[in-house]
C-alpha atoms as a PDB file:
ATOM      1  CA  MET A   1      16.908 -16.119  -4.663  1.00  0.00           C
ATOM      2  CA  SER A   2      16.527 -18.071  -7.568  1.00  0.00           C
ATOM      3  CA  PHE A   3      15.619 -17.191 -10.344  1.00  0.00           C
ATOM      4  CA  ASP A   4      13.548 -20.586 -11.728  1.00  0.00           C
ATOM      5  CA  SER A   5      10.484 -19.353 -10.475  1.00  0.00           C
ATOM      6  CA  GLN A   6      10.598 -15.870 -11.476  1.00  0.00           C
ATOM      7  CA  PHE A   7      11.786 -16.715 -15.031  1.00  0.00           C
ATOM      8  CA  THR A   8       9.114 -18.948 -15.845  1.00  0.00           C
ATOM      9  CA  SER A   9       6.784 -16.922 -16.703  1.00  0.00           C
ATOM     10  CA  LEU A  10       8.496 -14.456 -18.218  1.00  0.00           C
ATOM     11  CA  ASN A  11      10.781 -16.442 -20.459  1.00  0.00           C
ATOM     12  CA  GLN A  12       6.673 -17.074 -22.963  1.00  0.00           C
ATOM     13  CA  THR A  13       7.981 -14.307 -23.782  1.00  0.00           C
ATOM     14  CA  LYS A  14       9.171 -14.766 -27.388  1.00  0.00           C
ATOM     15  CA  LEU A  15      11.495 -12.192 -28.603  1.00  0.00           C
ATOM     16  CA  ASN A  16      10.776 -10.666 -32.483  1.00  0.00           C
ATOM     17  CA  GLU A  17      12.856 -11.991 -34.726  1.00  0.00           C
ATOM     18  CA  GLU A  18      11.518  -9.626 -37.832  1.00  0.00           C
ATOM     19  CA  SER A  19      10.819  -6.761 -35.894  1.00  0.00           C
ATOM     20  CA  PRO A  20      14.072  -3.905 -37.036  1.00  0.00           C
ATOM     21  CA  THR A  21      15.118  -3.491 -32.750  1.00  0.00           C
ATOM     22  CA  PRO A  22      17.477  -5.724 -32.474  1.00  0.00           C
ATOM     23  CA  LEU A  23      17.217  -8.985 -29.961  1.00  0.00           C
ATOM     24  CA  TYR A  24      19.593  -8.446 -27.737  1.00  0.00           C
ATOM     25  CA  TYR A  25      18.230  -4.959 -27.121  1.00  0.00           C
ATOM     26  CA  GLN A  26      14.692  -7.336 -27.381  1.00  0.00           C
ATOM     27  CA  LEU A  27      16.104  -8.633 -24.250  1.00  0.00           C
ATOM     28  CA  TYR A  28      17.945  -6.217 -22.852  1.00  0.00           C
ATOM     29  CA  SER A  29      14.149  -4.266 -22.487  1.00  0.00           C
ATOM     30  CA  LEU A  30      12.296  -6.673 -21.553  1.00  0.00           C
ATOM     31  CA  LEU A  31      14.620  -8.064 -18.428  1.00  0.00           C
ATOM     32  CA  LYS A  32      14.865  -4.048 -17.656  1.00  0.00           C
ATOM     33  CA  GLN A  33      10.973  -3.713 -17.706  1.00  0.00           C
ATOM     34  CA  ASN A  34      10.743  -6.656 -15.143  1.00  0.00           C
ATOM     35  CA  ILE A  35      13.349  -6.141 -12.470  1.00  0.00           C
ATOM     36  CA  LEU A  36      12.047  -2.493 -12.698  1.00  0.00           C
ATOM     37  CA  ASN A  37       8.803  -3.316 -11.133  1.00  0.00           C
ATOM     38  CA  GLY A  38       9.885  -5.830  -8.643  1.00  0.00           C
ATOM     39  CA  SER A  39       9.321  -9.185 -10.899  1.00  0.00           C
ATOM     40  CA  LEU A  40      12.278  -9.713 -10.568  1.00  0.00           C
ATOM     41  CA  GLU A  41      13.280  -9.135  -7.167  1.00  0.00           C
ATOM     42  CA  ASP A  42      16.540  -7.728  -6.055  1.00  0.00           C
ATOM     43  CA  GLY A  43      19.741 -10.713  -5.313  1.00  0.00           C
ATOM     44  CA  SER A  44      17.693 -13.082  -8.025  1.00  0.00           C
ATOM     45  CA  GLN A  45      19.988 -14.418 -10.157  1.00  0.00           C
ATOM     46  CA  LEU A  46      19.567 -14.340 -13.622  1.00  0.00           C
ATOM     47  CA  PRO A  47      20.010 -17.017 -15.851  1.00  0.00           C
ATOM     48  CA  THR A  48      23.937 -17.628 -18.108  1.00  0.00           C
ATOM     49  CA  GLU A  49      24.600 -16.602 -21.446  1.00  0.00           C
ATOM     50  CA  LEU A  50      24.001 -19.529 -22.229  1.00  0.00           C
ATOM     51  CA  GLY A  51      20.847 -19.672 -20.354  1.00  0.00           C
ATOM     52  CA  LEU A  52      19.258 -17.174 -22.167  1.00  0.00           C
ATOM     53  CA  SER A  53      20.197 -17.984 -25.724  1.00  0.00           C
ATOM     54  CA  GLN A  54      18.699 -21.394 -24.959  1.00  0.00           C
ATOM     55  CA  ALA A  55      15.402 -20.057 -23.781  1.00  0.00           C
ATOM     56  CA  PHE A  56      14.865 -17.332 -26.149  1.00  0.00           C
ATOM     57  CA  SER A  57      16.425 -19.044 -29.359  1.00  0.00           C
ATOM     58  CA  ILE A  58      19.192 -16.575 -29.317  1.00  0.00           C
ATOM     59  CA  SER A  59      22.801 -16.584 -29.931  1.00  0.00           C
ATOM     60  CA  ARG A  60      25.292 -16.510 -26.816  1.00  0.00           C
ATOM     61  CA  ILE A  61      26.305 -13.180 -28.363  1.00  0.00           C
ATOM     62  CA  THR A  62      23.278 -11.860 -27.919  1.00  0.00           C
ATOM     63  CA  ALA A  63      22.968 -12.650 -24.768  1.00  0.00           C
ATOM     64  CA  LYS A  64      26.048 -11.039 -23.374  1.00  0.00           C
ATOM     65  CA  ARG A  65      25.153  -7.951 -25.265  1.00  0.00           C
ATOM     66  CA  ALA A  66      21.934  -7.874 -23.261  1.00  0.00           C
ATOM     67  CA  LEU A  67      23.312  -8.718 -19.735  1.00  0.00           C
ATOM     68  CA  ASP A  68      26.157  -5.995 -20.598  1.00  0.00           C
ATOM     69  CA  GLU A  69      24.032  -3.217 -21.115  1.00  0.00           C
ATOM     70  CA  LEU A  70      22.201  -3.563 -17.322  1.00  0.00           C
ATOM     71  CA  ALA A  71      25.412  -4.000 -15.690  1.00  0.00           C
ATOM     72  CA  ALA A  72      26.316  -1.339 -17.433  1.00  0.00           C
ATOM     73  CA  GLU A  73      23.272   0.607 -15.571  1.00  0.00           C
ATOM     74  CA  GLY A  74      23.910  -1.007 -12.265  1.00  0.00           C
ATOM     75  CA  LEU A  75      20.814  -2.839 -12.980  1.00  0.00           C
ATOM     76  CA  VAL A  76      22.257  -6.093 -12.651  1.00  0.00           C
ATOM     77  CA  ALA A  77      26.414  -7.137 -11.465  1.00  0.00           C
ATOM     78  CA  ARG A  78      28.334  -9.910 -13.667  1.00  0.00           C
ATOM     79  CA  ARG A  79      30.882 -11.589 -11.071  1.00  0.00           C
ATOM     80  CA  ARG A  80      33.311 -14.292 -12.619  1.00  0.00           C
ATOM     81  CA  ALA A  81      31.933 -17.648 -11.329  1.00  0.00           C
ATOM     82  CA  LYS A  82      29.221 -16.428  -9.199  1.00  0.00           C
ATOM     83  CA  GLY A  83      26.906 -15.849 -12.846  1.00  0.00           C
ATOM     84  CA  THR A  84      24.393 -12.386 -13.139  1.00  0.00           C
ATOM     85  CA  HIS A  85      22.023 -10.907 -10.044  1.00  0.00           C
ATOM     86  CA  VAL A  86      19.996  -8.076  -9.796  1.00  0.00           C
ATOM     87  CA  THR A  87      21.266  -4.929  -7.498  1.00  0.00           C
ATOM     88  CA  HIS A  88      18.540  -3.365  -8.285  1.00  0.00           C
ATOM     89  CA  LYS A  89      16.177  -2.341  -4.980  1.00  0.00           C
ATOM     90  CA  TYR A  90      12.478  -2.220  -5.916  1.00  0.00           C
ATOM     91  CA  GLN A  91      10.356   0.341  -4.071  1.00  0.00           C
ATOM     92  CA  PRO A  92       6.638   0.837  -5.024  1.00  0.00           C
ATOM     93  CA  LYS A  93       5.251   4.797  -5.727  1.00  0.00           C
ATOM     94  CA  PRO A  94       2.794   5.741  -3.911  1.00  0.00           C
ATOM     95  CA  VAL A  95      -0.449   5.962  -6.270  1.00  0.00           C
ATOM     96  CA  LYS A  96      -1.692   9.678  -6.366  1.00  0.00           C
ATOM     97  CA  ALA A  97      -5.468  10.487  -5.995  1.00  0.00           C
ATOM     98  CA  PRO A  98      -7.513  13.614  -5.311  1.00  0.00           C
ATOM     99  CA  LEU A  99      -8.203  14.025  -2.174  1.00  0.00           C
ATOM    100  CA  VAL A 100     -11.743  15.933  -2.566  1.00  0.00           C
ATOM    101  CA  GLY A 101     -12.794  12.607  -3.957  1.00  0.00           C
ATOM    102  CA  MET A 102     -11.637  10.296  -0.978  1.00  0.00           C
ATOM    103  CA  LEU A 103     -12.957  12.959   1.256  1.00  0.00           C
ATOM    104  CA  GLN A 104     -16.331  12.448  -0.158  1.00  0.00           C
ATOM    105  CA  GLU A 105     -16.622   8.806  -0.575  1.00  0.00           C
ATOM    106  CA  LEU A 106     -15.274   9.024   3.274  1.00  0.00           C
ATOM    107  CA  GLU A 107     -18.345  11.141   3.945  1.00  0.00           C
ATOM    108  CA  PHE A 108     -20.826   8.979   1.726  1.00  0.00           C
ATOM    109  CA  MET A 109     -19.931   5.886   3.269  1.00  0.00           C
ATOM    110  CA  GLY A 110     -20.454   7.937   6.913  1.00  0.00           C
ATOM    111  CA  GLN A 111     -23.004   9.328   6.060  1.00  0.00           C
ATOM    112  CA  HIS A 112     -25.142   6.168   5.276  1.00  0.00           C
ATOM    113  CA  SER A 113     -23.600   3.448   7.794  1.00  0.00           C
ATOM    114  CA  GLU A 114     -24.207   3.089  11.460  1.00  0.00           C
ATOM    115  CA  ALA A 115     -21.253   3.530  13.777  1.00  0.00           C
ATOM    116  CA  LYS A 116     -20.559   2.075  17.329  1.00  0.00           C
ATOM    117  CA  VAL A 117     -18.053   3.920  19.970  1.00  0.00           C
ATOM    118  CA  ILE A 118     -17.033   0.665  21.730  1.00  0.00           C
ATOM    119  CA  GLU A 119     -14.430   2.475  23.333  1.00  0.00           C
ATOM    120  CA  LEU A 120     -13.907   5.850  23.935  1.00  0.00           C
ATOM    121  CA  THR A 121     -10.719   7.201  25.962  1.00  0.00           C
ATOM    122  CA  THR A 122      -8.557   9.971  26.644  1.00  0.00           C
ATOM    123  CA  ALA A 123      -4.672   8.049  26.719  1.00  0.00           C
ATOM    124  CA  ARG A 124      -1.066   8.571  25.578  1.00  0.00           C
ATOM    125  CA  PRO A 125      -0.714   6.086  22.060  1.00  0.00           C
ATOM    126  CA  PRO A 126       1.754   3.495  21.906  1.00  0.00           C
ATOM    127  CA  GLY A 127       5.694   4.570  21.203  1.00  0.00           C
ATOM    128  CA  ASP A 128       5.848   4.451  16.683  1.00  0.00           C
ATOM    129  CA  ILE A 129       2.658   6.341  17.225  1.00  0.00           C
ATOM    130  CA  ALA A 130       3.121   9.429  20.133  1.00  0.00           C
ATOM    131  CA  GLN A 131       6.793   9.996  17.893  1.00  0.00           C
ATOM    132  CA  GLU A 132       4.831  10.077  14.734  1.00  0.00           C
ATOM    133  CA  PHE A 133       2.577  13.202  16.355  1.00  0.00           C
ATOM    134  CA  ALA A 134       5.493  14.657  17.290  1.00  0.00           C
ATOM    135  CA  LEU A 135       4.163  14.191  21.367  1.00  0.00           C
ATOM    136  CA  LEU A 136       5.095  15.946  23.855  1.00  0.00           C
ATOM    137  CA  GLU A 137       6.441  14.072  27.538  1.00  0.00           C
ATOM    138  CA  GLY A 138       2.811  13.273  29.506  1.00  0.00           C
ATOM    139  CA  GLU A 139       0.767  14.908  25.983  1.00  0.00           C
ATOM    140  CA  THR A 140      -2.407  12.395  25.101  1.00  0.00           C
ATOM    141  CA  LEU A 141      -4.727  12.130  22.231  1.00  0.00           C
ATOM    142  CA  LEU A 142      -7.913  11.269  21.969  1.00  0.00           C
ATOM    143  CA  LYS A 143      -8.403   7.219  21.293  1.00  0.00           C
ATOM    144  CA  MET A 144     -11.588   6.146  19.625  1.00  0.00           C
ATOM    145  CA  THR A 145     -12.865   2.398  18.562  1.00  0.00           C
ATOM    146  CA  ARG A 146     -15.295   1.945  16.308  1.00  0.00           C
ATOM    147  CA  VAL A 147     -17.268  -1.023  14.221  1.00  0.00           C
ATOM    148  CA  ARG A 148     -19.751   0.296  11.365  1.00  0.00           C
ATOM    149  CA  SER A 149     -22.247  -1.550  10.176  1.00  0.00           C
ATOM    150  CA  ARG A 150     -24.807  -2.224   6.860  1.00  0.00           C
ATOM    151  CA  LEU A 151     -28.045  -3.083   7.352  1.00  0.00           C
ATOM    152  CA  HIS A 152     -26.671  -4.951  10.473  1.00  0.00           C
ATOM    153  CA  GLU A 153     -24.128  -6.270   9.247  1.00  0.00           C
ATOM    154  CA  ALA A 154     -21.060  -4.938  10.876  1.00  0.00           C
ATOM    155  CA  PHE A 155     -18.037  -4.462   7.984  1.00  0.00           C
ATOM    156  CA  GLY A 156     -15.213  -2.081   9.315  1.00  0.00           C
ATOM    157  CA  TYR A 157     -13.443  -2.430  12.854  1.00  0.00           C
ATOM    158  CA  TYR A 158     -11.941   0.882  13.733  1.00  0.00           C
ATOM    159  CA  THR A 159      -9.158   1.900  15.716  1.00  0.00           C
ATOM    160  CA  SER A 160      -7.844   5.596  15.559  1.00  0.00           C
ATOM    161  CA  TRP A 161      -6.184   8.480  17.629  1.00  0.00           C
ATOM    162  CA  SER A 162      -7.012  11.900  17.037  1.00  0.00           C
ATOM    163  CA  LYS A 163      -5.488  15.288  17.819  1.00  0.00           C
ATOM    164  CA  GLY A 164      -7.320  18.630  18.599  1.00  0.00           C
ATOM    165  CA  LEU A 165     -10.719  17.448  18.729  1.00  0.00           C
ATOM    166  CA  SER A 166     -11.409  19.131  21.985  1.00  0.00           C
ATOM    167  CA  LYS A 167     -15.716  19.477  21.078  1.00  0.00           C
ATOM    168  CA  PHE A 168     -18.281  16.792  19.296  1.00  0.00           C
ATOM    169  CA  ASN A 169     -16.425  14.891  21.130  1.00  0.00           C
ATOM    170  CA  GLU A 170     -18.759  12.643  23.159  1.00  0.00           C
ATOM    171  CA  LYS A 171     -20.366   9.456  22.374  1.00  0.00           C
ATOM    172  CA  ALA A 172     -23.190   9.911  20.538  1.00  0.00           C
ATOM    173  CA  SER A 173     -21.812  12.872  18.206  1.00  0.00           C
ATOM    174  CA  LEU A 174     -19.269  10.287  17.278  1.00  0.00           C
ATOM    175  CA  GLU A 175     -22.221   7.445  16.911  1.00  0.00           C
ATOM    176  CA  SER A 176     -24.120  10.026  14.649  1.00  0.00           C
ATOM    177  CA  THR A 177     -21.503  12.447  12.408  1.00  0.00           C
ATOM    178  CA  THR A 178     -19.218  11.390  10.984  1.00  0.00           C
ATOM    179  CA  ARG A 179     -15.643  12.410  11.411  1.00  0.00           C
ATOM    180  CA  LEU A 180     -14.392  14.609   9.039  1.00  0.00           C
ATOM    181  CA  GLU A 181     -17.596  17.043  10.335  1.00  0.00           C
ATOM    182  CA  ILE A 182     -15.958  16.848  13.779  1.00  0.00           C
ATOM    183  CA  PHE A 183     -13.204  17.789  12.592  1.00  0.00           C
ATOM    184  CA  ARG A 184     -14.404  20.328  10.858  1.00  0.00           C
ATOM    185  CA  LYS A 185     -15.793  21.338  13.803  1.00  0.00           C
ATOM    186  CA  ASN A 186     -13.149  21.925  15.529  1.00  0.00           C
ATOM    187  CA  GLY A 187     -11.620  24.193  13.053  1.00  0.00           C
ATOM    188  CA  ILE A 188      -9.378  21.621  11.642  1.00  0.00           C
ATOM    189  CA  GLU A 189     -10.011  20.761   7.335  1.00  0.00           C
ATOM    190  CA  ILE A 190      -7.505  17.868   6.541  1.00  0.00           C
ATOM    191  CA  LYS A 191      -5.768  18.005   3.194  1.00  0.00           C
ATOM    192  CA  HIS A 192      -3.391  15.237   2.539  1.00  0.00           C
ATOM    193  CA  VAL A 193      -3.981  11.928   3.148  1.00  0.00           C
ATOM    194  CA  LYS A 194      -1.582   8.731   3.283  1.00  0.00           C
ATOM    195  CA  GLN A 195      -3.202   5.623   3.218  1.00  0.00           C
ATOM    196  CA  ILE A 196      -1.931   1.540   3.231  1.00  0.00           C
ATOM    197  CA  LEU A 197      -3.430  -1.043   2.596  1.00  0.00           C
ATOM    198  CA  SER A 198      -2.811  -5.095   3.197  1.00  0.00           C
ATOM    199  CA  ALA A 199      -3.846  -7.751   4.791  1.00  0.00           C
ATOM    200  CA  THR A 200      -3.866  -8.883   8.845  1.00  0.00           C
ATOM    201  CA  ALA A 201      -5.862 -11.899  10.168  1.00  0.00           C
ATOM    202  CA  ALA A 202      -8.856 -10.975  12.680  1.00  0.00           C
ATOM    203  CA  THR A 203      -7.967 -11.384  16.431  1.00  0.00           C
ATOM    204  CA  PRO A 204     -10.180 -12.704  18.949  1.00  0.00           C
ATOM    205  CA  GLU A 205     -11.087  -9.078  19.312  1.00  0.00           C
ATOM    206  CA  VAL A 206     -12.566  -8.110  16.187  1.00  0.00           C
ATOM    207  CA  ALA A 207     -13.913 -10.783  15.598  1.00  0.00           C
ATOM    208  CA  LYS A 208     -15.961 -11.148  17.767  1.00  0.00           C
ATOM    209  CA  GLU A 209     -17.116  -7.582  16.223  1.00  0.00           C
ATOM    210  CA  LEU A 210     -16.911  -8.651  13.234  1.00  0.00           C
ATOM    211  CA  ASP A 211     -19.019 -12.195  13.803  1.00  0.00           C
ATOM    212  CA  VAL A 212     -16.116 -14.280  11.895  1.00  0.00           C
ATOM    213  CA  GLU A 213     -14.154 -16.518  13.347  1.00  0.00           C
ATOM    214  CA  PRO A 214     -10.397 -15.677  15.198  1.00  0.00           C
ATOM    215  CA  GLY A 215      -7.832 -15.650  11.791  1.00  0.00           C
ATOM    216  CA  PHE A 216     -10.054 -14.304   9.360  1.00  0.00           C
ATOM    217  CA  PRO A 217      -8.364 -12.787   6.610  1.00  0.00           C
ATOM    218  CA  LEU A 218      -9.089  -9.022   6.639  1.00  0.00           C
ATOM    219  CA  LEU A 219      -8.502  -6.233   4.772  1.00  0.00           C
ATOM    220  CA  SER A 220      -5.998  -3.719   6.626  1.00  0.00           C
ATOM    221  CA  LEU A 221      -6.341  -0.118   5.669  1.00  0.00           C
ATOM    222  CA  THR A 222      -4.043   2.684   8.103  1.00  0.00           C
ATOM    223  CA  ARG A 223      -5.175   6.214   7.186  1.00  0.00           C
ATOM    224  CA  ARG A 224      -2.350   9.305   8.031  1.00  0.00           C
ATOM    225  CA  SER A 225      -4.214  12.198   8.288  1.00  0.00           C
ATOM    226  CA  TYR A 226      -2.617  15.636   8.134  1.00  0.00           C
ATOM    227  CA  ASP A 227      -3.781  19.518   8.326  1.00  0.00           C
ATOM    228  CA  GLU A 228      -2.898  22.047   6.362  1.00  0.00           C
ATOM    229  CA  ASN A 229       0.408  22.783   7.438  1.00  0.00           C
ATOM    230  CA  GLU A 230       1.493  18.968   7.140  1.00  0.00           C
ATOM    231  CA  ASN A 231       0.705  18.572  10.710  1.00  0.00           C
ATOM    232  CA  LEU A 232      -0.450  14.678  11.632  1.00  0.00           C
ATOM    233  CA  VAL A 233      -3.928  15.124  12.833  1.00  0.00           C
ATOM    234  CA  ASP A 234      -5.177  11.862  12.926  1.00  0.00           C
ATOM    235  CA  TYR A 235      -3.893   7.883  12.965  1.00  0.00           C
ATOM    236  CA  LEU A 236      -6.059   5.382  11.906  1.00  0.00           C
ATOM    237  CA  HIS A 237      -6.485   1.926  11.477  1.00  0.00           C
ATOM    238  CA  ALA A 238      -9.407   0.071  10.104  1.00  0.00           C
ATOM    239  CA  GLN A 239      -9.844  -4.149   9.206  1.00  0.00           C
ATOM    240  CA  TYR A 240     -12.833  -4.340   6.685  1.00  0.00           C
ATOM    241  CA  HIS A 241     -14.791  -7.699   6.754  1.00  0.00           C
ATOM    242  CA  PRO A 242     -13.869  -8.333   2.760  1.00  0.00           C
ATOM    243  CA  GLU A 243     -16.844 -10.009   1.716  1.00  0.00           C
ATOM    244  CA  ARG A 244     -18.964  -6.523   3.087  1.00  0.00           C
ATOM    245  CA  PHE A 245     -16.774  -3.751   2.008  1.00  0.00           C
ATOM    246  CA  GLN A 246     -15.138  -3.277  -1.567  1.00  0.00           C
ATOM    247  CA  TYR A 247     -11.890  -0.566  -1.673  1.00  0.00           C
ATOM    248  CA  ARG A 248     -12.872   1.076  -4.746  1.00  0.00           C
ATOM    249  CA  MET A 249     -10.265   3.675  -6.848  1.00  0.00           C
ATOM    250  CA  ASP A 250     -11.060   5.566 -10.216  1.00  0.00           C
ATOM    251  CA  LEU A 251      -7.386   7.145 -10.995  1.00  0.00           C
ATOM    252  CA  THR A 252      -6.666   9.357 -14.721  1.00  0.00           C
ATOM    253  CA  PRO A 253      -3.204  10.286 -15.587  1.00  0.00           C
ATOM    254  CA  ASP A 254      -1.669  13.850 -13.757  1.00  0.00           C
ATOM    255  CA  SER A 255      -1.357  15.915 -16.881  1.00  0.00           C
ATOM    256  CA  SER A 256       1.223  17.970 -13.916  1.00  0.00           C
ATOM    257  CA  ASN A 257       3.426  14.705 -14.486  1.00  0.00           C
END
């Protein structure tokens, strides 16, 4: 991968000649930070020593030392006639947030919006989901498809697979009670949640329910909920209209880290 497009914004950062920190270390730190945060991707080719020296108004010796330091840490590989390439693969770390606050927000949303169940059945989930639940052969889950609205305007389309909901699982209860309360009534307490946010395009089925055109960009959220024994009890995929729904997080530093 070419470094040129990534380097365009990076080389706008100026090194401080008046700083007590050596120039090579300033350049090394700048490059390292952008490698570790994924701005410089694995496989990206860095400029030559001459290119760096011209971009940052430093000597080639200074540029060489910065690259040598990165190579010594295993962040880049330097090969004669092939240049210097990033060898660090960025892996984003999950954001940790207090579960209690998240569950309170989910319940608040459930209590202040209307749910319409459009599918409710007991079925075998797709293979990848069945594997996550560690289902035995022939074992089934409760599948539910719902649409949530506020002031008669649909904002979310939900498909979920749930385990252990043997009571209060009829349509009327699921439309009038939050799912967290349904889990509690079945003796299941959610103790751990994993969420993945991304984007997706509305399928014709989803587009019809959210009153948008097929292909309309939606916010996509996949949520896995676990009980106190770290058993997966709920797999939910939600698709939200971005103009009718906002996902907010208020995070504070974790003093234990």
